[in-house]
Amino acid sequence: MRGTAPPEPSRGAPAVRLLRHPLGDALLCQLRDRSTGVESFRAAAHRLSLLVCATALEELTVEVVPVETPLAPTNGARVAEAVVGVPVLRAGLGMLPALEALLPDVTVGYIGLERDEEHLTPTRYYGKLPDLVGRLVLLLDPMLATGGSAAAACDSLVAAGADRIVLACIVAAPEGLAHLGARHPHVPVVTAAIDEGLDARGYIVPGLGDFGDRLFGTGQASERVRN
């Protein structure tokens, strides 16, 4: 129900983890529906982002700590590494509240990218990043279409010292996965869906429309995405 299975691993291809959860199916369906209004779209995007981000953090390092329950002492777990969330502006902002709900003390950076519609290449117009050395960086970019924006964002993160990056997205296209894998093969991708592919204009099909426009209520809701 969420598109194709992850592509077979190949040289230069990123590791892909496809979200497999019935709630993920239902929430993705709501996001795809062109009749879903802004309020409902935001709510569904937040809930689906919770599932995606939690899955992306499954390898998070924890340490054992003692804890006193009302009945007896036992051992529990505590997050033992720093995490930095980096949404790609502007659509990535739709996933940030979910990450902050999971990790209230998460450090946040921002990367602003704009795509040239003629050449389908991204241009960075803003960047604000904290110290990334030795930290797990969760890159938030809902739509992985051509892969240009995600790859450019990873370029910026690596240049800033990041050595552990995970990309969390809602919908990915095989072409985007291939492009990101060629540029950054060691960046795993967690996604709720892998769609059929891109049309001649580089838009995801079937997609769910322009994530940013639908999230913020701007522009005309399209059935294709521009990322």
Protein backbone atom coordinates (compact mmCIF):
# COMPACT_ATOMS: atom_id res chain seq x y z
CA MET A 1 0.00 0.00 0.00
CA ARG A 2 2.99 2.31 0.41
CA GLY A 3 4.43 1.89 -3.06
CA THR A 4 7.19 -0.42 -4.13
CA ALA A 5 9.53 -2.39 -1.93
CA PRO A 6 12.94 -0.90 -1.22
CA PRO A 7 15.29 -1.20 -4.20
CA GLU A 8 17.76 -4.05 -4.12
CA PRO A 9 21.04 -2.98 -2.48
CA SER A 10 23.73 -2.07 -4.97
CA ARG A 11 27.07 -0.40 -4.97
CA GLY A 12 26.62 3.24 -4.01
CA ALA A 13 22.97 2.80 -2.99
CA PRO A 14 21.84 4.02 0.43
CA ALA A 15 20.28 1.72 2.99
CA VAL A 16 16.52 2.24 2.85
CA ARG A 17 14.12 1.46 5.67
CA LEU A 18 10.48 1.46 4.59
CA LEU A 19 7.98 2.21 7.35
CA ARG A 20 5.69 -0.77 7.79
CA HIS A 21 2.78 0.13 10.04
CA PRO A 22 -1.01 0.13 9.46
CA LEU A 23 -1.28 3.62 10.94
CA GLY A 24 1.37 4.74 8.48
CA ASP A 25 -0.75 3.43 5.61
CA ALA A 26 -3.85 5.25 6.84
CA LEU A 27 -2.06 8.54 7.51
CA LEU A 28 -0.28 8.47 4.15
CA CYS A 29 -3.63 7.89 2.43
CA GLN A 30 -5.01 10.98 4.16
CA LEU A 31 -2.02 13.03 3.02
CA ARG A 32 -2.37 11.83 -0.56
CA ASP A 33 -6.09 12.71 -0.75
CA ARG A 34 -6.46 16.01 -2.61
CA SER A 35 -9.59 16.81 -0.58
CA THR A 36 -7.68 16.83 2.74
CA GLY A 37 -7.71 20.39 4.09
CA VAL A 38 -4.84 22.27 5.72
CA GLU A 39 -5.77 21.48 9.33
CA SER A 40 -6.21 17.76 8.67
CA PHE A 41 -3.08 17.68 6.50
CA ARG A 42 -1.00 19.19 9.30
CA ALA A 43 -2.37 16.75 11.85
CA ALA A 44 -1.74 13.72 9.62
CA ALA A 45 1.74 14.97 8.69
CA HIS A 46 2.61 15.34 12.37
CA ARG A 47 1.38 11.87 13.30
CA LEU A 48 3.09 10.19 10.36
CA SER A 49 6.30 12.11 11.10
CA LEU A 50 6.22 10.70 14.63
CA LEU A 51 6.30 7.17 13.19
CA VAL A 52 9.00 8.01 10.63
CA CYS A 53 11.24 9.85 13.10
CA ALA A 54 10.88 7.13 15.73
CA THR A 55 11.91 4.57 13.12
CA ALA A 56 14.86 6.74 12.05
CA LEU A 57 16.04 6.83 15.67
CA GLU A 58 15.95 3.06 16.23
CA GLU A 59 19.75 2.89 16.26
CA LEU A 60 20.03 5.63 18.87
CA THR A 61 22.57 4.77 21.56
CA VAL A 62 21.21 4.39 25.10
CA GLU A 63 22.80 3.66 28.45
CA VAL A 64 21.51 1.58 31.34
CA VAL A 65 20.47 3.59 34.41
CA PRO A 66 18.96 2.53 37.74
CA VAL A 67 15.37 3.55 38.42
CA GLU A 68 13.04 3.18 41.40
CA THR A 69 9.51 2.09 40.52
CA PRO A 70 6.73 2.39 43.13
CA LEU A 71 7.38 -1.29 43.97
CA ALA A 72 11.05 -2.09 43.43
CA PRO A 73 14.36 -0.92 41.96
CA THR A 74 15.15 -1.94 38.38
CA ASN A 75 17.19 -0.85 35.38
CA GLY A 76 16.04 1.44 32.62
CA ALA A 77 17.48 3.21 29.60
CA ARG A 78 18.49 6.79 28.88
CA VAL A 79 19.48 8.36 25.56
CA ALA A 80 23.27 8.54 25.58
CA GLU A 81 24.08 10.60 22.50
CA ALA A 82 23.31 14.07 21.20
CA VAL A 83 20.90 14.43 18.27
CA VAL A 84 20.61 17.35 15.88
CA GLY A 85 17.48 17.79 13.78
CA VAL A 86 17.91 19.67 10.51
CA PRO A 87 14.76 20.43 8.49
CA VAL A 88 15.18 21.46 4.87
CA LEU A 89 13.17 24.68 4.50
CA ARG A 90 10.38 25.02 4.17
CA ALA A 91 8.63 21.67 3.90
CA GLY A 92 10.93 20.04 6.46
CA LEU A 93 9.40 22.26 9.14
CA GLY A 94 6.35 20.03 8.97
CA MET A 95 8.35 17.15 10.45
CA LEU A 96 10.20 19.12 13.13
CA PRO A 97 7.44 19.19 15.81
CA ALA A 98 7.33 15.39 15.75
CA LEU A 99 11.07 15.14 16.37
CA GLU A 100 10.83 17.71 19.16
CA ALA A 101 8.00 15.71 20.74
CA LEU A 102 10.21 12.61 20.76
CA LEU A 103 13.36 14.46 21.88
CA PRO A 104 12.39 17.69 23.70
CA ASP A 105 16.04 18.69 24.13
CA VAL A 106 17.04 18.09 20.50
CA THR A 107 19.33 20.70 18.97
CA VAL A 108 17.97 22.19 15.73
CA GLY A 109 19.71 23.58 12.66
CA TYR A 110 18.24 24.79 9.36
CA ILE A 111 19.11 24.54 5.67
CA GLY A 112 17.19 26.57 3.08
CA LEU A 113 17.21 25.28 -0.50
CA GLU A 114 15.32 26.49 -3.57
CA ARG A 115 15.04 24.48 -6.76
CA ASP A 116 15.63 25.94 -10.18
CA GLU A 117 12.55 24.69 -12.07
CA GLU A 118 14.33 24.84 -15.43
CA HIS A 119 17.46 22.88 -14.53
CA LEU A 120 16.05 21.02 -11.48
CA THR A 121 19.10 22.02 -9.42
CA PRO A 122 18.98 23.32 -5.83
CA THR A 123 20.43 26.61 -4.65
CA ARG A 124 21.16 27.18 -0.98
CA TYR A 125 19.79 30.49 0.31
CA TYR A 126 20.08 29.95 4.06
CA GLY A 127 22.01 27.86 6.55
CA LYS A 128 22.25 27.85 10.33
CA LEU A 129 23.92 24.79 11.82
CA PRO A 130 25.13 24.00 15.34
CA ASP A 131 28.18 21.89 16.13
CA LEU A 132 27.65 18.57 14.33
CA VAL A 133 30.86 16.73 15.22
CA GLY A 134 30.15 13.46 16.99
CA ARG A 135 26.36 13.95 16.86
CA LEU A 136 23.65 12.00 15.10
CA VAL A 137 22.08 14.31 12.50
CA LEU A 138 18.49 13.63 11.46
CA LEU A 139 17.83 15.41 8.16
CA LEU A 140 14.12 16.16 7.68
CA ASP A 141 12.96 16.46 4.07
CA PRO A 142 9.42 15.13 3.41
CA MET A 143 9.71 14.55 -0.34
CA LEU A 144 12.74 12.87 -1.93
CA ALA A 145 12.09 13.37 -5.64
CA THR A 146 15.14 14.05 -7.82
CA GLY A 147 17.35 13.82 -4.73
CA GLY A 148 19.09 17.09 -5.56
CA SER A 149 17.96 18.95 -2.45
CA ALA A 150 18.73 16.06 -0.10
CA ALA A 151 22.18 15.55 -1.62
CA ALA A 152 22.95 19.28 -1.42
CA ALA A 153 21.79 19.35 2.20
CA CYS A 154 24.07 16.41 2.97
CA ASP A 155 26.94 18.26 1.28
CA SER A 156 26.40 21.14 3.73
CA LEU A 157 26.15 18.82 6.72
CA VAL A 158 29.33 16.94 5.84
CA ALA A 159 31.17 20.23 5.26
CA ALA A 160 30.04 21.30 8.73
CA GLY A 161 31.54 18.19 10.31
CA ALA A 162 28.67 15.68 10.35
CA ASP A 163 29.74 12.04 10.09
CA ARG A 164 26.42 10.35 10.99
CA ILE A 165 23.41 11.45 8.97
CA VAL A 166 19.99 9.82 8.58
CA LEU A 167 17.43 11.18 6.13
CA ALA A 168 13.80 10.99 7.28
CA CYS A 169 11.15 11.58 4.61
CA ILE A 170 7.50 10.85 3.87
CA VAL A 171 7.62 9.87 0.18
CA ALA A 172 10.65 8.91 -1.92
CA ALA A 173 11.14 8.27 -5.63
CA PRO A 174 13.57 5.61 -6.90
CA GLU A 175 15.41 8.30 -8.88
CA GLY A 176 15.96 10.34 -5.72
CA LEU A 177 17.24 7.33 -3.83
CA ALA A 178 19.66 6.56 -6.64
CA HIS A 179 20.95 10.13 -6.82
CA LEU A 180 21.41 10.42 -3.08
CA GLY A 181 23.11 7.03 -3.02
CA ALA A 182 25.58 8.11 -5.68
CA ARG A 183 26.49 11.26 -3.75
CA HIS A 184 26.17 10.02 -0.17
CA PRO A 185 26.01 6.20 -0.07
CA HIS A 186 26.50 6.11 3.70
CA VAL A 187 23.38 8.16 4.47
CA PRO A 188 20.48 5.78 5.25
CA VAL A 189 16.95 6.78 4.30
CA VAL A 190 13.79 6.15 6.31
CA THR A 191 10.57 6.74 4.37
CA ALA A 192 6.86 5.96 4.61
CA ALA A 193 6.59 5.23 0.87
CA ILE A 194 8.58 4.64 -2.29
CA ASP A 195 6.45 5.83 -5.19
CA GLU A 196 6.48 4.85 -8.86
CA GLY A 197 8.90 7.52 -10.03
CA LEU A 198 9.14 11.00 -11.54
CA ASP A 199 7.31 12.53 -14.46
CA ALA A 200 8.99 14.55 -17.22
CA ARG A 201 9.07 17.63 -14.99
CA GLY A 202 10.75 15.85 -12.10
CA TYR A 203 7.63 15.55 -9.93
CA ILE A 204 6.82 12.47 -7.82
CA VAL A 205 4.01 10.27 -9.16
CA PRO A 206 1.52 9.58 -7.63
CA GLY A 207 2.94 11.72 -4.81
CA LEU A 208 0.78 13.80 -2.53
CA GLY A 209 1.07 17.28 -3.99
CA ASP A 210 3.29 20.16 -2.93
CA PHE A 211 3.96 19.30 0.71
CA GLY A 212 4.91 22.85 1.64
CA ASP A 213 1.87 24.44 -0.02
CA ARG A 214 -0.50 21.94 1.54
CA LEU A 215 1.14 22.28 4.95
CA PHE A 216 1.10 26.08 5.01
CA GLY A 217 -2.03 26.66 2.93
CA THR A 218 -0.23 28.56 0.18
CA GLY A 219 -0.59 28.35 -3.57
CA GLN A 220 -2.72 25.88 -5.47
CA ALA A 221 -2.68 22.34 -4.11
CA SER A 222 -1.02 20.29 -6.82
CA GLU A 223 -1.12 16.55 -7.25
CA ARG A 224 2.64 16.59 -7.71
CA VAL A 225 5.54 17.70 -5.57
CA ARG A 226 8.42 20.05 -6.31
CA ASN A 227 11.40 18.83 -4.28
